[in-house]
Amino acid sequence: MLTTEEKHQIDHEISLVPSPKNACIEALKIVQQSHGWVSDESLKDVAEYVGMSTAELDSVATFYNLIFRRPVGRHVILVCDSISCYVMGYEVIRNQLFEKLNIQYGQTTADGRFTILPNCCLGTCDCAPALMIDHDLYRNLTVEQLDEILSKYT
């Protein structure tokens, strides 16, 4: 069930667009911000609130790669795997993260601290390789920077 605060925030987003359906992504982001991910129950509640079927909203949620439909760690690491990052050696960064955290793409560390996900582009191709943790973008990455970067997130 949506909280009063979530409904208030969603109502604000609805007020900015022509139709409640047009606020569906923002509504999903609001729920995700509250819970860390969007459960089936939350998806159903949001769909009903904005006047969509659950299937319609699920198709939006699963298309949009920053809506998490299953639990994730406290911090989500998005590793850019675009052609620019590939050419600049992102695989070394990715493999080092896998080794340091003892997880693969789509997995969460045992302590619930990190989840690693691939991302097709972070929009910083001129400074590849890159990754994003939560809302923090790291560019021109080297393996030597990873320990310091990861230590910022508890």
Protein backbone atom coordinates (compact mmCIF):
# COMPACT_ATOMS: atom_id res chain seq x y z
CA MET A 1 0.00 0.00 0.00
CA LEU A 2 1.33 3.43 -0.92
CA THR A 3 2.14 5.64 2.04
CA THR A 4 0.57 9.04 2.47
CA GLU A 5 3.93 10.65 1.67
CA GLU A 6 4.36 8.57 -1.49
CA LYS A 7 0.84 9.53 -2.62
CA HIS A 8 1.61 13.19 -1.93
CA GLN A 9 4.81 13.03 -4.00
CA ILE A 10 3.08 11.12 -6.83
CA ASP A 11 0.22 13.65 -6.82
CA HIS A 12 2.79 16.40 -7.30
CA GLU A 13 4.29 14.56 -10.30
CA ILE A 14 0.81 13.98 -11.74
CA SER A 15 0.11 17.71 -11.47
CA LEU A 16 3.02 18.37 -13.86
CA VAL A 17 1.79 16.19 -16.75
CA PRO A 18 -1.36 15.94 -18.90
CA SER A 19 -2.41 12.50 -17.63
CA PRO A 20 -1.67 10.45 -14.50
CA LYS A 21 -0.22 7.71 -16.71
CA ASN A 22 2.45 10.15 -17.85
CA ALA A 23 3.79 10.25 -14.29
CA CYS A 24 4.26 6.48 -14.05
CA ILE A 25 8.07 6.46 -14.18
CA GLU A 26 8.31 9.20 -11.58
CA ALA A 27 5.83 7.31 -9.41
CA LEU A 28 7.95 4.17 -9.66
CA LYS A 29 11.06 6.18 -8.75
CA ILE A 30 9.27 7.56 -5.68
CA VAL A 31 8.37 4.08 -4.48
CA GLN A 32 11.87 2.84 -5.20
CA GLN A 33 13.37 5.72 -3.24
CA SER A 34 11.26 4.71 -0.24
CA HIS A 35 11.84 0.95 -0.41
CA GLY A 36 15.04 0.50 -2.44
CA TRP A 37 13.17 -1.44 -5.16
CA VAL A 38 9.67 -1.91 -6.61
CA SER A 39 7.92 -5.06 -5.38
CA ASP A 40 5.00 -6.70 -7.19
CA GLU A 41 2.66 -5.29 -4.56
CA SER A 42 4.05 -1.77 -4.96
CA LEU A 43 3.82 -2.07 -8.74
CA LYS A 44 0.15 -3.05 -8.44
CA ASP A 45 -0.53 -0.11 -6.08
CA VAL A 46 1.19 2.40 -8.39
CA ALA A 47 -0.61 1.02 -11.45
CA GLU A 48 -3.96 1.42 -9.75
CA TYR A 49 -3.05 4.91 -8.53
CA VAL A 50 -2.07 6.22 -11.99
CA GLY A 51 -4.82 4.35 -13.87
CA MET A 52 -2.79 1.69 -15.65
CA SER A 53 -2.97 -2.07 -15.71
CA THR A 54 -0.29 -3.91 -13.76
CA ALA A 55 0.97 -5.45 -17.02
CA GLU A 56 1.25 -2.02 -18.67
CA LEU A 57 3.24 -0.59 -15.77
CA ASP A 58 5.41 -3.69 -15.48
CA SER A 59 6.38 -3.30 -19.13
CA VAL A 60 7.50 0.27 -18.37
CA ALA A 61 9.33 -0.79 -15.20
CA THR A 62 11.19 -3.63 -16.85
CA PHE A 63 12.14 -1.50 -19.87
CA TYR A 64 13.59 1.28 -17.72
CA ASN A 65 16.86 -0.17 -16.40
CA LEU A 66 17.06 2.08 -13.35
CA ILE A 67 13.85 0.73 -11.86
CA PHE A 68 14.80 -2.26 -9.75
CA ARG A 69 12.19 -5.02 -9.68
CA ARG A 70 14.02 -7.08 -7.09
CA PRO A 71 15.97 -6.12 -3.97
CA VAL A 72 19.38 -4.52 -4.47
CA GLY A 73 22.23 -3.58 -2.16
CA ARG A 74 22.47 -0.30 -0.29
CA HIS A 75 24.64 0.95 -3.15
CA VAL A 76 24.18 0.08 -6.82
CA ILE A 77 27.26 0.05 -9.01
CA LEU A 78 26.50 0.62 -12.70
CA VAL A 79 29.43 -0.45 -14.85
CA CYS A 80 29.39 1.15 -18.28
CA ASP A 81 29.92 -1.43 -21.00
CA SER A 82 29.48 0.86 -24.01
CA ILE A 83 31.80 0.54 -26.99
CA SER A 84 33.88 3.47 -25.70
CA CYS A 85 34.35 1.87 -22.30
CA TYR A 86 35.03 -1.48 -23.96
CA VAL A 87 37.79 0.02 -26.13
CA MET A 88 39.27 1.78 -23.10
CA GLY A 89 39.43 -1.41 -21.05
CA TYR A 90 36.34 -1.49 -18.86
CA GLU A 91 36.69 -5.29 -18.62
CA VAL A 92 39.71 -4.91 -16.32
CA ILE A 93 37.67 -2.62 -14.03
CA ARG A 94 34.66 -4.96 -14.13
CA ASN A 95 36.73 -8.05 -13.41
CA GLN A 96 38.50 -6.36 -10.51
CA LEU A 97 35.13 -5.34 -9.02
CA PHE A 98 33.86 -8.90 -9.40
CA GLU A 99 36.96 -10.18 -7.61
CA LYS A 100 37.02 -7.56 -4.84
CA LEU A 101 33.32 -7.90 -4.05
CA ASN A 102 33.07 -11.63 -4.81
CA ILE A 103 29.93 -11.15 -6.94
CA GLN A 104 28.93 -11.03 -10.61
CA TYR A 105 26.45 -8.84 -12.50
CA GLY A 106 23.01 -8.89 -10.91
CA GLN A 107 24.29 -10.13 -7.57
CA THR A 108 24.51 -8.43 -4.20
CA THR A 109 27.33 -8.76 -1.70
CA ALA A 110 26.64 -10.97 1.32
CA ASP A 111 26.57 -7.91 3.60
CA GLY A 112 23.98 -6.19 1.37
CA ARG A 113 26.38 -3.33 0.65
CA PHE A 114 26.72 -3.47 -3.16
CA THR A 115 24.88 -4.73 -6.23
CA ILE A 116 26.69 -4.63 -9.58
CA LEU A 117 24.77 -4.10 -12.81
CA PRO A 118 25.86 -3.49 -16.41
CA ASN A 119 24.82 -0.23 -18.04
CA CYS A 120 24.92 0.37 -21.78
CA CYS A 121 25.99 4.03 -21.49
CA LEU A 122 26.63 6.56 -18.75
CA GLY A 123 27.01 9.42 -21.23
CA THR A 124 30.67 10.10 -20.58
CA CYS A 125 32.29 8.37 -23.55
CA ASP A 126 35.11 10.90 -23.74
CA CYS A 127 36.24 9.86 -20.26
CA ALA A 128 35.97 6.07 -20.47
CA PRO A 129 36.03 3.74 -18.68
CA ALA A 130 33.33 4.86 -16.26
CA LEU A 131 31.05 3.60 -13.55
CA MET A 132 28.37 5.10 -11.35
CA ILE A 133 27.69 4.29 -7.71
CA ASP A 134 24.29 5.57 -6.65
CA HIS A 135 24.36 9.09 -8.16
CA ASP A 136 28.14 9.50 -8.21
CA LEU A 137 29.88 9.22 -11.58
CA TYR A 138 33.51 8.06 -11.78
CA ARG A 139 35.38 8.63 -15.04
CA ASN A 140 38.79 7.78 -16.49
CA LEU A 141 38.90 4.85 -14.09
CA THR A 142 41.92 2.77 -13.24
CA VAL A 143 42.05 -0.38 -11.12
CA GLU A 144 44.18 1.49 -8.61
CA GLN A 145 41.27 3.86 -7.82
CA LEU A 146 38.74 1.17 -6.95
CA ASP A 147 39.62 0.62 -3.28
CA GLU A 148 39.40 4.33 -2.53
CA ILE A 149 36.13 4.67 -4.43
CA LEU A 150 34.50 1.66 -2.76
CA SER A 151 35.61 2.83 0.71
CA LYS A 152 33.33 5.87 0.39
CA TYR A 153 30.24 3.66 0.56
CA THR A 154 29.30 1.94 3.81
